[in-house]
Amino acid sequence: MENYKDDTHFAQADALMFSFGPSIFEHWMKLNKTLILDSWHRINLHRCTEEASQATFNRVRNLASDRAHPHIVGPQTLYDVEYVRHFTGVNPIFLPATLFDALRGEWYRSWTGSRPQFLWNAANEVPPPPALRNSRFEFVRAVWKGRYETRDLAEYQAIVYWPYSVSNGKIVEQYAMNIPMFVPTAEFAKVVYKDRTQSYDPYCPELTSDVLDKLRHHSSPYDYSPNVRIDTNGESAAEHVKFWIKFADVYHWPCIVQYSSWQHLLELLDAGADLPAMSSCMAQANKWRRHEALQNWCWVTTQLANGSG
């Protein structure tokens, strides 16, 4: 990092952006640059003690109140907007993940539905349940063992989503392509949204929810904990879990159809869901998503140009 101090290209940068993992912004604060925290995960990711997480939350507050630099706190998901608010008291701007910037030109494909199968979208190791293991459903890693193009995804009838996180690049990309989607209700999926807490196994399993819950900011409007999990805290955590996972992307995007069981999903598909209408609806929703993202980023660039937060 010391090498950047005298780098002419680095000196010309207006700001530094941190998305995933967002907590590394702390290492760059000493370089006296404007920071944009457009986090696409929990802001205290990999801060595995009470003291480390509290220090991160304090630094976010300090950035938000710094008048010498126009620092921006702007998470990419509503979940992270509310998570930051809950633990820091900061009111972030929403800078939504859309991937419209990546899906341009030859890379962009809109839904065609020319294949008869439905695409199963889940964590890499999670196959479809027995009820869906037939020729109607395909798992992308099983079918496309090598490289595949966006046009290959656009040919599927629809996406059947089984979540593991409150946001991920696959589902954002597929929504931007207007591919019809079926997602589980919060009640049906309450035990599988594990990648939403700091105590999730790949990150800080030793950091328990009762420790994190002590760090809630006094101004938070929420009494429900974003850290408890049914598999570790028991069924008493269910209402907390359902409350927070409803901030997940798929419960805020229009035109998505929810299923409450595997049987309900099959009934929806057998009843002949109007997939073209779903896709057209998504295309209209994506016009608003593009407008919202551009409008909010225009506000950010104005702050940077004016030099005030």
Protein backbone atom coordinates (compact mmCIF):
# COMPACT_ATOMS: atom_id res chain seq x y z
CA MET A 1 0.00 0.00 0.00
CA GLU A 2 2.92 2.33 0.66
CA ASN A 3 3.77 2.07 -3.04
CA TYR A 4 0.61 4.02 -3.93
CA LYS A 5 1.60 7.14 -2.05
CA ASP A 6 3.84 8.43 -4.84
CA ASP A 7 2.03 6.84 -7.78
CA THR A 8 0.86 9.53 -10.25
CA HIS A 9 -2.08 7.47 -11.56
CA PHE A 10 -3.28 6.75 -8.05
CA ALA A 11 -3.00 10.43 -7.17
CA GLN A 12 -5.43 11.27 -9.99
CA ALA A 13 -8.13 8.93 -8.67
CA ASP A 14 -11.15 10.84 -7.36
CA ALA A 15 -12.23 8.03 -5.04
CA LEU A 16 -11.67 4.40 -4.09
CA MET A 17 -14.55 1.91 -4.22
CA PHE A 18 -15.07 -1.12 -2.00
CA SER A 19 -17.74 -3.72 -2.77
CA PHE A 20 -16.65 -7.26 -1.87
CA GLY A 21 -15.32 -7.67 0.72
CA PRO A 22 -16.26 -4.23 1.90
CA SER A 23 -14.38 -4.17 5.21
CA ILE A 24 -11.00 -3.82 3.48
CA PHE A 25 -11.74 -0.10 3.16
CA GLU A 26 -10.18 0.22 6.61
CA HIS A 27 -6.71 -0.49 5.24
CA TRP A 28 -6.97 2.40 2.78
CA MET A 29 -8.21 5.13 5.09
CA LYS A 30 -4.67 6.24 5.89
CA LEU A 31 -4.09 7.32 2.27
CA ASN A 32 -6.42 10.28 2.70
CA LYS A 33 -8.62 9.46 -0.29
CA THR A 34 -12.38 9.74 -0.68
CA LEU A 35 -13.94 6.29 -0.18
CA ILE A 36 -17.11 4.83 -1.70
CA LEU A 37 -18.45 1.91 0.32
CA ASP A 38 -20.84 0.29 -2.17
CA SER A 39 -20.83 -2.95 -0.21
CA TRP A 40 -22.21 -6.15 -1.72
CA HIS A 41 -21.96 -8.03 1.57
CA ARG A 42 -21.98 -7.28 5.28
CA ILE A 43 -19.84 -4.27 6.04
CA ASN A 44 -18.02 -6.04 8.89
CA LEU A 45 -17.18 -9.14 6.84
CA HIS A 46 -14.22 -11.04 8.34
CA ARG A 47 -14.17 -8.87 11.47
CA CYS A 48 -14.42 -11.84 13.79
CA THR A 49 -14.40 -10.32 17.26
CA GLU A 50 -16.74 -7.95 19.02
CA GLU A 51 -13.99 -5.35 19.15
CA ALA A 52 -13.12 -5.65 15.44
CA SER A 53 -16.75 -5.40 14.31
CA GLN A 54 -17.39 -2.44 16.60
CA ALA A 55 -14.28 -0.71 15.23
CA THR A 56 -15.54 -1.20 11.67
CA PHE A 57 -18.96 0.24 12.52
CA ASN A 58 -17.28 3.21 14.19
CA ARG A 59 -15.15 3.85 11.12
CA VAL A 60 -18.22 3.80 8.88
CA ARG A 61 -19.81 6.43 11.13
CA ASN A 62 -16.63 8.50 11.01
CA LEU A 63 -16.56 8.39 7.22
CA ALA A 64 -20.20 9.42 6.98
CA SER A 65 -19.60 12.45 9.20
CA ASP A 66 -16.27 13.50 7.66
CA ARG A 67 -16.59 16.96 6.12
CA ALA A 68 -13.07 17.00 4.70
CA HIS A 69 -13.91 14.28 2.14
CA PRO A 70 -17.21 13.42 0.43
CA HIS A 71 -17.17 9.76 1.49
CA ILE A 72 -20.15 7.73 0.26
CA VAL A 73 -21.86 4.91 2.15
CA GLY A 74 -24.01 3.25 -0.51
CA PRO A 75 -24.64 -0.51 -0.29
CA GLN A 76 -25.77 -2.44 -3.37
CA THR A 77 -28.65 -4.27 -1.71
CA LEU A 78 -31.54 -3.17 0.47
CA TYR A 79 -30.46 -5.82 2.94
CA ASP A 80 -27.10 -4.14 3.36
CA VAL A 81 -28.65 -0.67 3.47
CA GLU A 82 -30.67 -1.75 6.49
CA TYR A 83 -27.79 -3.75 7.99
CA VAL A 84 -25.56 -0.67 7.91
CA ARG A 85 -28.35 1.45 9.39
CA HIS A 86 -28.97 -1.15 12.12
CA PHE A 87 -25.36 -1.25 13.31
CA THR A 88 -24.04 2.25 12.59
CA GLY A 89 -26.99 4.65 12.64
CA VAL A 90 -25.86 5.94 9.23
CA ASN A 91 -28.56 6.46 6.59
CA PRO A 92 -26.93 5.15 3.39
CA ILE A 93 -27.84 5.90 -0.20
CA PHE A 94 -28.96 2.82 -2.16
CA LEU A 95 -26.61 2.07 -5.09
CA PRO A 96 -28.34 -1.07 -6.44
CA ALA A 97 -26.47 -3.90 -8.10
CA THR A 98 -27.91 -4.27 -11.61
CA LEU A 99 -25.02 -5.62 -13.76
CA PHE A 100 -26.39 -3.55 -16.65
CA ASP A 101 -22.85 -2.26 -17.10
CA ALA A 102 -21.56 -5.82 -17.67
CA LEU A 103 -24.45 -6.94 -19.89
CA ARG A 104 -23.78 -4.68 -22.85
CA GLY A 105 -23.42 -5.17 -26.57
CA GLU A 106 -22.79 -8.76 -27.58
CA TRP A 107 -22.96 -9.86 -23.93
CA TYR A 108 -26.57 -8.83 -23.49
CA ARG A 109 -29.36 -11.26 -24.26
CA SER A 110 -33.00 -10.97 -23.31
CA TRP A 111 -35.22 -13.96 -22.60
CA THR A 112 -36.31 -16.11 -25.54
CA GLY A 113 -37.53 -19.27 -23.76
CA SER A 114 -36.68 -21.44 -26.75
CA ARG A 115 -35.55 -24.43 -24.66
CA PRO A 116 -38.20 -26.61 -22.98
CA GLN A 117 -36.31 -26.92 -19.68
CA PHE A 118 -36.27 -24.79 -16.53
CA LEU A 119 -32.93 -23.75 -15.02
CA TRP A 120 -32.21 -24.63 -11.39
CA ASN A 121 -30.31 -21.78 -9.70
CA ALA A 122 -28.80 -22.66 -6.32
CA ALA A 123 -25.46 -22.82 -4.54
CA ASN A 124 -22.89 -24.78 -6.53
CA GLU A 125 -23.17 -27.93 -4.44
CA VAL A 126 -26.95 -28.03 -4.05
CA PRO A 127 -28.78 -30.17 -6.65
CA PRO A 128 -32.53 -29.96 -7.26
CA PRO A 129 -34.66 -31.82 -4.69
CA PRO A 130 -36.00 -35.27 -5.66
CA ALA A 131 -39.35 -33.76 -6.68
CA LEU A 132 -37.60 -31.76 -9.42
CA ARG A 133 -35.07 -34.31 -10.62
CA ASN A 134 -36.48 -34.93 -14.05
CA SER A 135 -35.90 -33.77 -17.59
CA ARG A 136 -37.80 -30.51 -17.04
CA PHE A 137 -35.12 -29.07 -14.75
CA GLU A 138 -31.44 -28.57 -15.46
CA PHE A 139 -28.58 -27.59 -13.19
CA VAL A 140 -26.26 -25.21 -15.02
CA ARG A 141 -23.05 -26.78 -13.70
CA ALA A 142 -24.23 -30.24 -14.78
CA VAL A 143 -25.28 -29.21 -18.29
CA TRP A 144 -22.70 -26.55 -19.16
CA LYS A 145 -19.51 -28.20 -17.94
CA GLY A 146 -17.37 -25.72 -19.80
CA ARG A 147 -18.02 -22.16 -20.93
CA TYR A 148 -21.54 -20.96 -21.62
CA GLU A 149 -22.89 -17.68 -22.98
CA THR A 150 -25.67 -15.43 -21.75
CA ARG A 151 -27.74 -16.48 -24.76
CA ASP A 152 -27.67 -20.06 -23.41
CA LEU A 153 -29.28 -18.91 -20.16
CA ALA A 154 -31.82 -16.75 -21.99
CA GLU A 155 -33.15 -19.82 -23.80
CA TYR A 156 -34.53 -21.50 -20.66
CA GLN A 157 -38.24 -21.35 -19.89
CA ALA A 158 -37.59 -19.78 -16.49
CA ILE A 159 -35.30 -19.74 -13.46
CA VAL A 160 -36.22 -21.82 -10.42
CA TYR A 161 -34.29 -20.18 -7.61
CA TRP A 162 -33.30 -21.89 -4.36
CA PRO A 163 -31.39 -19.25 -2.37
CA TYR A 164 -28.34 -19.39 -0.19
CA SER A 165 -27.61 -15.64 0.07
CA VAL A 166 -29.67 -12.45 0.14
CA SER A 167 -28.03 -11.37 -3.12
CA ASN A 168 -25.71 -12.90 -5.68
CA GLY A 169 -24.44 -12.04 -9.12
CA LYS A 170 -26.23 -14.89 -10.87
CA ILE A 171 -29.72 -13.84 -9.89
CA VAL A 172 -29.00 -10.14 -10.57
CA GLU A 173 -27.74 -11.01 -14.04
CA GLN A 174 -30.67 -13.27 -14.83
CA TYR A 175 -33.21 -10.67 -13.71
CA ALA A 176 -31.49 -8.09 -15.92
CA MET A 177 -32.01 -10.50 -18.84
CA ASN A 178 -35.78 -10.59 -18.19
CA ILE A 179 -35.77 -14.36 -17.55
CA PRO A 180 -38.98 -15.35 -15.70
CA MET A 181 -38.30 -16.38 -12.12
CA PHE A 182 -39.87 -18.56 -9.48
CA VAL A 183 -38.55 -18.08 -5.93
CA PRO A 184 -39.50 -19.61 -2.58
CA THR A 185 -41.49 -17.65 -0.04
CA ALA A 186 -39.60 -16.39 2.99
CA GLU A 187 -41.40 -19.00 5.11
CA PHE A 188 -40.39 -21.88 2.82
CA ALA A 189 -36.77 -20.74 2.52
CA LYS A 190 -36.16 -19.49 6.05
CA VAL A 191 -33.56 -22.18 6.85
CA VAL A 192 -31.46 -21.81 3.69
CA TYR A 193 -30.64 -18.08 3.70
CA LYS A 194 -27.41 -18.67 5.60
CA ASP A 195 -25.05 -16.33 3.71
CA ARG A 196 -26.57 -13.23 5.27
CA THR A 197 -24.91 -13.14 8.68
CA GLN A 198 -21.41 -12.42 9.89
CA SER A 199 -21.52 -15.70 11.81
CA TYR A 200 -21.96 -17.79 8.64
CA ASP A 201 -19.47 -20.67 8.62
CA PRO A 202 -17.03 -19.41 5.93
CA TYR A 203 -16.64 -16.09 7.76
CA CYS A 204 -16.81 -15.91 11.55
CA PRO A 205 -18.67 -18.89 13.03
CA GLU A 206 -17.05 -18.15 16.39
CA LEU A 207 -18.76 -14.72 16.48
CA THR A 208 -22.13 -15.57 18.00
CA SER A 209 -25.35 -13.66 17.48
CA ASP A 210 -25.58 -12.56 21.10
CA VAL A 211 -22.19 -10.82 20.76
CA LEU A 212 -23.14 -9.10 17.51
CA ASP A 213 -26.55 -8.09 18.80
CA LYS A 214 -24.89 -6.03 21.52
CA LEU A 215 -23.46 -3.81 18.76
CA ARG A 216 -26.86 -2.68 17.48
CA HIS A 217 -26.92 1.11 17.19
CA HIS A 218 -29.28 2.85 19.58
CA SER A 219 -31.06 4.59 16.67
CA SER A 220 -31.91 1.37 14.84
CA PRO A 221 -35.66 1.03 14.19
CA TYR A 222 -35.39 -2.77 14.32
CA ASP A 223 -35.78 -5.04 17.32
CA TYR A 224 -35.34 -8.20 15.26
CA SER A 225 -31.79 -9.51 15.03
CA PRO A 226 -30.13 -9.97 11.59
CA ASN A 227 -27.67 -12.43 13.13
CA VAL A 228 -29.74 -15.30 14.51
CA ARG A 229 -30.24 -18.49 12.52
CA ILE A 230 -32.77 -21.25 12.97
CA ASP A 231 -30.12 -23.99 12.72
CA THR A 232 -28.12 -22.47 15.59
CA ASN A 233 -30.66 -20.46 17.61
CA GLY A 234 -33.72 -22.68 17.24
CA GLU A 235 -37.23 -22.07 15.98
CA SER A 236 -37.57 -18.98 18.19
CA ALA A 237 -35.37 -17.21 15.64
CA ALA A 238 -37.83 -17.79 12.79
CA GLU A 239 -39.61 -14.43 12.96
CA HIS A 240 -36.28 -12.59 13.08
CA VAL A 241 -34.99 -14.57 10.09
CA LYS A 242 -38.10 -14.04 7.99
CA PHE A 243 -38.13 -10.32 8.75
CA TRP A 244 -34.56 -9.79 7.60
CA ILE A 245 -34.56 -12.07 4.56
CA LYS A 246 -37.51 -10.12 3.18
CA PHE A 247 -34.95 -7.40 2.45
CA ALA A 248 -33.38 -9.84 -0.04
CA ASP A 249 -33.38 -8.75 -3.69
CA VAL A 250 -35.95 -11.22 -4.96
CA TYR A 251 -38.65 -10.02 -2.56
CA HIS A 252 -38.41 -6.45 -3.84
CA TRP A 253 -38.09 -6.93 -7.58
CA PRO A 254 -41.44 -6.88 -9.41
CA CYS A 255 -42.87 -9.68 -11.53
CA ILE A 256 -41.30 -12.62 -9.68
CA VAL A 257 -43.63 -15.50 -8.73
CA GLN A 258 -43.23 -17.08 -5.29
CA TYR A 259 -43.83 -20.75 -4.43
CA SER A 260 -44.54 -22.06 -0.94
CA SER A 261 -43.58 -25.73 -1.47
CA TRP A 262 -42.23 -28.02 -4.20
CA GLN A 263 -45.76 -29.17 -4.90
CA HIS A 264 -46.90 -25.56 -5.23
CA LEU A 265 -44.06 -24.89 -7.67
CA LEU A 266 -45.07 -27.85 -9.85
CA GLU A 267 -48.67 -26.69 -9.76
CA LEU A 268 -47.64 -23.22 -10.91
CA LEU A 269 -45.64 -24.65 -13.78
CA ASP A 270 -48.32 -27.20 -14.75
CA ALA A 271 -50.99 -24.49 -14.71
CA GLY A 272 -49.10 -22.74 -17.49
CA ALA A 273 -47.72 -19.61 -15.89
CA ASP A 274 -47.73 -16.74 -18.38
CA LEU A 275 -43.99 -16.60 -18.90
CA PRO A 276 -44.05 -13.99 -21.71
CA ALA A 277 -46.07 -11.67 -19.47
CA MET A 278 -43.60 -12.20 -16.61
CA SER A 279 -40.68 -11.38 -18.88
CA SER A 280 -42.37 -8.27 -20.29
CA CYS A 281 -43.11 -7.11 -16.76
CA MET A 282 -39.47 -7.60 -15.82
CA ALA A 283 -38.36 -5.58 -18.84
CA GLN A 284 -40.45 -2.68 -17.59
CA ALA A 285 -39.10 -3.10 -14.06
CA ASN A 286 -35.56 -3.06 -15.40
CA LYS A 287 -36.21 0.34 -16.98
CA TRP A 288 -36.94 1.67 -13.50
CA ARG A 289 -33.95 -0.17 -11.99
CA ARG A 290 -31.66 1.41 -14.57
CA HIS A 291 -33.18 4.84 -13.89
CA GLU A 292 -32.83 4.43 -10.12
CA ALA A 293 -29.21 3.29 -10.36
CA LEU A 294 -28.22 6.13 -12.71
CA GLN A 295 -30.07 8.72 -10.65
CA ASN A 296 -28.38 7.66 -7.42
CA TRP A 297 -24.94 7.42 -9.01
CA CYS A 298 -25.43 10.89 -10.49
CA TRP A 299 -25.98 12.12 -6.95
CA VAL A 300 -22.73 10.41 -5.91
CA THR A 301 -20.72 12.02 -8.71
CA THR A 302 -22.19 15.39 -7.81
CA GLN A 303 -21.02 14.93 -4.21
CA LEU A 304 -17.56 14.02 -5.44
CA ALA A 305 -17.42 17.03 -7.74
CA ASN A 306 -18.63 19.39 -5.03
CA GLY A 307 -16.28 17.93 -2.47
CA SER A 308 -18.92 17.64 0.25
CA GLY A 309 -20.71 14.62 1.67
